[in-house]
Amino acid sequence: MRFSWRTDATRRVKPLGVFGRIVGSLFFALFLAMGLFFLWLISQQTWQTVQSYRWPVVACVIESSSVETKGDRYQAVIQYRYEVGGRTLRSDRVALRAHDVDDYTEAQRQVTAYPAGDTRQCYVNPADPHEAILVHESLWSAVVILLPLVFVAIGGGGIYVMWR
């Protein structure tokens, strides 16, 4: 009797036909498309955040600050005025994107940090002076770009392996 170390797992696998490659490619194309779409979305937001760091600093006066309730969420609403090119403008944007919180105490803490009558600095968009923010968003959010890159790698790599 002859003994062989070869198992079913080491036997040669029959190559995929054209139909199998097409079906496999469609599956991996879905991963690739999702990854590229989310990569584009996150890149757009990251680029806006990076651009806001180049906006000029202007003195602004806090006119009012309060907590607004949105269902079971809360948002700090801070209204302020600032001058650009001899014109007085107003804004209520704290950051580029609105940040609702689920804890009233957290929203109240944000409001307390910007009392009415206080003079602060704000950042004004030079392309549109009506757009101003009080704080920059963190650039650490750019790290999230790595997540869709995993999908791009799986999708692109899968398609490559299917047709190799």
Protein backbone atom coordinates (compact mmCIF):
# COMPACT_ATOMS: atom_id res chain seq x y z
CA MET A 1 0.00 0.00 0.00
CA ARG A 2 1.29 3.38 -0.96
CA PHE A 3 0.93 6.37 1.40
CA SER A 4 0.51 9.90 0.01
CA TRP A 5 0.78 13.18 1.87
CA ARG A 6 -1.45 14.83 -0.70
CA THR A 7 -4.85 15.84 0.67
CA ASP A 8 -7.93 17.26 -1.00
CA ALA A 9 -6.80 20.76 -0.03
CA THR A 10 -3.55 20.46 -1.98
CA ARG A 11 -5.05 19.12 -5.20
CA ARG A 12 -5.00 21.44 -8.15
CA VAL A 13 -8.15 23.56 -8.42
CA LYS A 14 -9.87 23.72 -11.78
CA PRO A 15 -9.44 27.24 -13.23
CA LEU A 16 -12.48 29.46 -13.48
CA GLY A 17 -14.14 29.86 -16.81
CA VAL A 18 -14.98 33.20 -18.37
CA PHE A 19 -18.45 33.19 -16.79
CA GLY A 20 -16.98 32.57 -13.32
CA ARG A 21 -14.48 35.38 -13.81
CA ILE A 22 -17.21 37.79 -14.87
CA VAL A 23 -19.39 36.93 -11.86
CA GLY A 24 -16.40 37.21 -9.52
CA SER A 25 -15.39 40.50 -11.12
CA LEU A 26 -18.89 41.92 -10.61
CA PHE A 27 -18.73 40.93 -6.94
CA PHE A 28 -15.34 42.61 -6.46
CA ALA A 29 -16.43 45.60 -8.58
CA LEU A 30 -19.11 46.26 -5.97
CA PHE A 31 -16.42 46.48 -3.27
CA LEU A 32 -14.30 48.71 -5.51
CA ALA A 33 -17.22 51.04 -6.32
CA MET A 34 -18.29 51.36 -2.66
CA GLY A 35 -14.72 52.03 -1.58
CA LEU A 36 -14.17 54.67 -4.27
CA PHE A 37 -17.49 56.37 -3.47
CA PHE A 38 -16.78 56.63 0.26
CA LEU A 39 -13.19 57.62 -0.45
CA TRP A 40 -14.49 60.50 -2.58
CA LEU A 41 -16.97 61.62 0.13
CA ILE A 42 -14.40 61.55 2.93
CA SER A 43 -11.81 63.26 0.72
CA GLN A 44 -14.26 66.10 0.01
CA GLN A 45 -14.89 66.68 3.71
CA THR A 46 -11.20 66.44 4.56
CA TRP A 47 -10.31 68.93 1.81
CA GLN A 48 -12.91 71.42 3.14
CA THR A 49 -11.44 71.08 6.63
CA VAL A 50 -7.89 71.58 5.36
CA GLN A 51 -8.96 74.65 3.36
CA SER A 52 -10.62 76.21 6.43
CA TYR A 53 -7.22 76.29 8.15
CA ARG A 54 -6.15 78.82 5.52
CA TRP A 55 -9.06 81.20 6.20
CA PRO A 56 -8.06 84.56 7.72
CA VAL A 57 -8.70 85.24 11.41
CA VAL A 58 -11.15 88.05 12.22
CA ALA A 59 -12.38 89.39 15.57
CA CYS A 60 -16.01 88.60 16.26
CA VAL A 61 -18.47 89.48 19.01
CA ILE A 62 -20.79 86.83 20.44
CA GLU A 63 -24.35 88.19 20.31
CA SER A 64 -26.21 85.25 21.82
CA SER A 65 -25.71 81.64 22.77
CA SER A 66 -28.29 79.02 23.64
CA VAL A 67 -29.06 75.32 23.46
CA GLU A 68 -31.49 74.19 20.79
CA THR A 69 -33.42 70.93 21.11
CA LYS A 70 -33.79 68.72 18.03
CA GLY A 71 -35.87 65.74 19.08
CA ASP A 72 -33.71 63.89 21.59
CA ARG A 73 -30.53 65.70 20.45
CA TYR A 74 -29.14 69.07 21.49
CA GLN A 75 -27.11 71.68 19.63
CA ALA A 76 -25.27 74.74 20.85
CA VAL A 77 -26.45 77.75 18.82
CA ILE A 78 -23.99 80.63 18.99
CA GLN A 79 -24.71 83.77 17.00
CA TYR A 80 -21.92 86.27 16.40
CA ARG A 81 -21.05 89.26 14.23
CA TYR A 82 -17.81 90.17 12.51
CA GLU A 83 -16.53 92.76 10.07
CA VAL A 84 -15.06 92.06 6.66
CA GLY A 85 -14.27 94.79 4.13
CA GLY A 86 -16.13 97.40 6.15
CA ARG A 87 -19.33 95.34 6.24
CA THR A 88 -20.81 93.81 9.37
CA LEU A 89 -21.84 90.21 8.82
CA ARG A 90 -23.46 87.61 11.10
CA SER A 91 -23.15 83.87 11.42
CA ASP A 92 -24.24 81.08 13.71
CA ARG A 93 -21.89 78.36 12.49
CA VAL A 94 -19.60 77.00 15.14
CA ALA A 95 -17.77 74.59 12.80
CA LEU A 96 -18.01 73.51 9.17
CA ARG A 97 -20.46 70.75 10.07
CA ALA A 98 -23.17 70.95 12.71
CA HIS A 99 -22.48 68.80 15.75
CA ASP A 100 -25.52 67.59 17.67
CA VAL A 101 -24.96 65.91 21.00
CA ASP A 102 -27.24 63.61 22.99
CA ASP A 103 -26.29 65.11 26.35
CA TYR A 104 -27.80 68.48 27.34
CA THR A 105 -24.90 69.12 29.74
CA GLU A 106 -22.39 68.88 26.86
CA ALA A 107 -24.38 71.35 24.76
CA GLN A 108 -24.67 73.70 27.74
CA ARG A 109 -20.91 73.47 28.30
CA GLN A 110 -20.35 74.63 24.71
CA VAL A 111 -22.77 77.53 25.22
CA THR A 112 -21.04 78.54 28.47
CA ALA A 113 -17.72 78.70 26.62
CA TYR A 114 -19.15 81.44 24.35
CA PRO A 115 -21.08 83.93 26.55
CA ALA A 116 -22.90 86.84 24.92
CA GLY A 117 -20.79 90.00 24.69
CA ASP A 118 -17.49 88.10 24.54
CA THR A 119 -15.00 88.96 21.80
CA ARG A 120 -13.45 85.94 20.11
CA GLN A 121 -11.70 85.10 16.91
CA CYS A 122 -13.46 83.52 13.99
CA TYR A 123 -12.28 82.27 10.64
CA VAL A 124 -13.82 83.77 7.50
CA ASN A 125 -13.94 82.13 4.10
CA PRO A 126 -12.16 84.55 1.74
CA ALA A 127 -14.15 83.23 -1.24
CA ASP A 128 -17.47 83.80 0.57
CA PRO A 129 -17.24 86.25 3.51
CA HIS A 130 -20.77 85.27 4.62
CA GLU A 131 -19.30 81.93 5.68
CA ALA A 132 -17.48 82.00 9.02
CA ILE A 133 -16.70 79.49 11.76
CA LEU A 134 -15.57 79.77 15.38
CA VAL A 135 -13.51 76.57 15.56
CA HIS A 136 -11.64 74.35 13.14
CA GLU A 137 -12.48 70.70 12.93
CA SER A 138 -9.74 68.25 13.78
CA LEU A 139 -7.54 66.96 10.99
CA TRP A 140 -7.49 63.57 12.71
CA SER A 141 -10.71 62.78 10.87
CA ALA A 142 -8.54 62.34 7.75
CA VAL A 143 -7.42 59.00 9.21
CA VAL A 144 -10.90 57.67 8.36
CA ILE A 145 -9.74 57.65 4.71
CA LEU A 146 -7.99 54.37 5.49
CA LEU A 147 -11.31 52.52 5.89
CA PRO A 148 -12.54 52.91 2.29
CA LEU A 149 -9.02 52.16 1.06
CA VAL A 150 -9.47 48.65 2.45
CA PHE A 151 -12.55 48.20 0.24
CA VAL A 152 -10.68 49.61 -2.77
CA ALA A 153 -7.83 47.17 -2.16
CA ILE A 154 -10.19 44.18 -1.80
CA GLY A 155 -12.18 45.15 -4.89
CA GLY A 156 -9.23 46.02 -7.11
CA GLY A 157 -7.13 43.12 -5.87
CA GLY A 158 -9.99 40.69 -6.33
CA ILE A 159 -10.57 41.78 -9.92
CA TYR A 160 -6.84 41.55 -10.62
CA VAL A 161 -6.62 38.01 -9.19
CA MET A 162 -9.74 36.90 -11.12
CA TRP A 163 -8.17 37.81 -14.47
CA ARG A 164 -4.52 37.01 -13.70
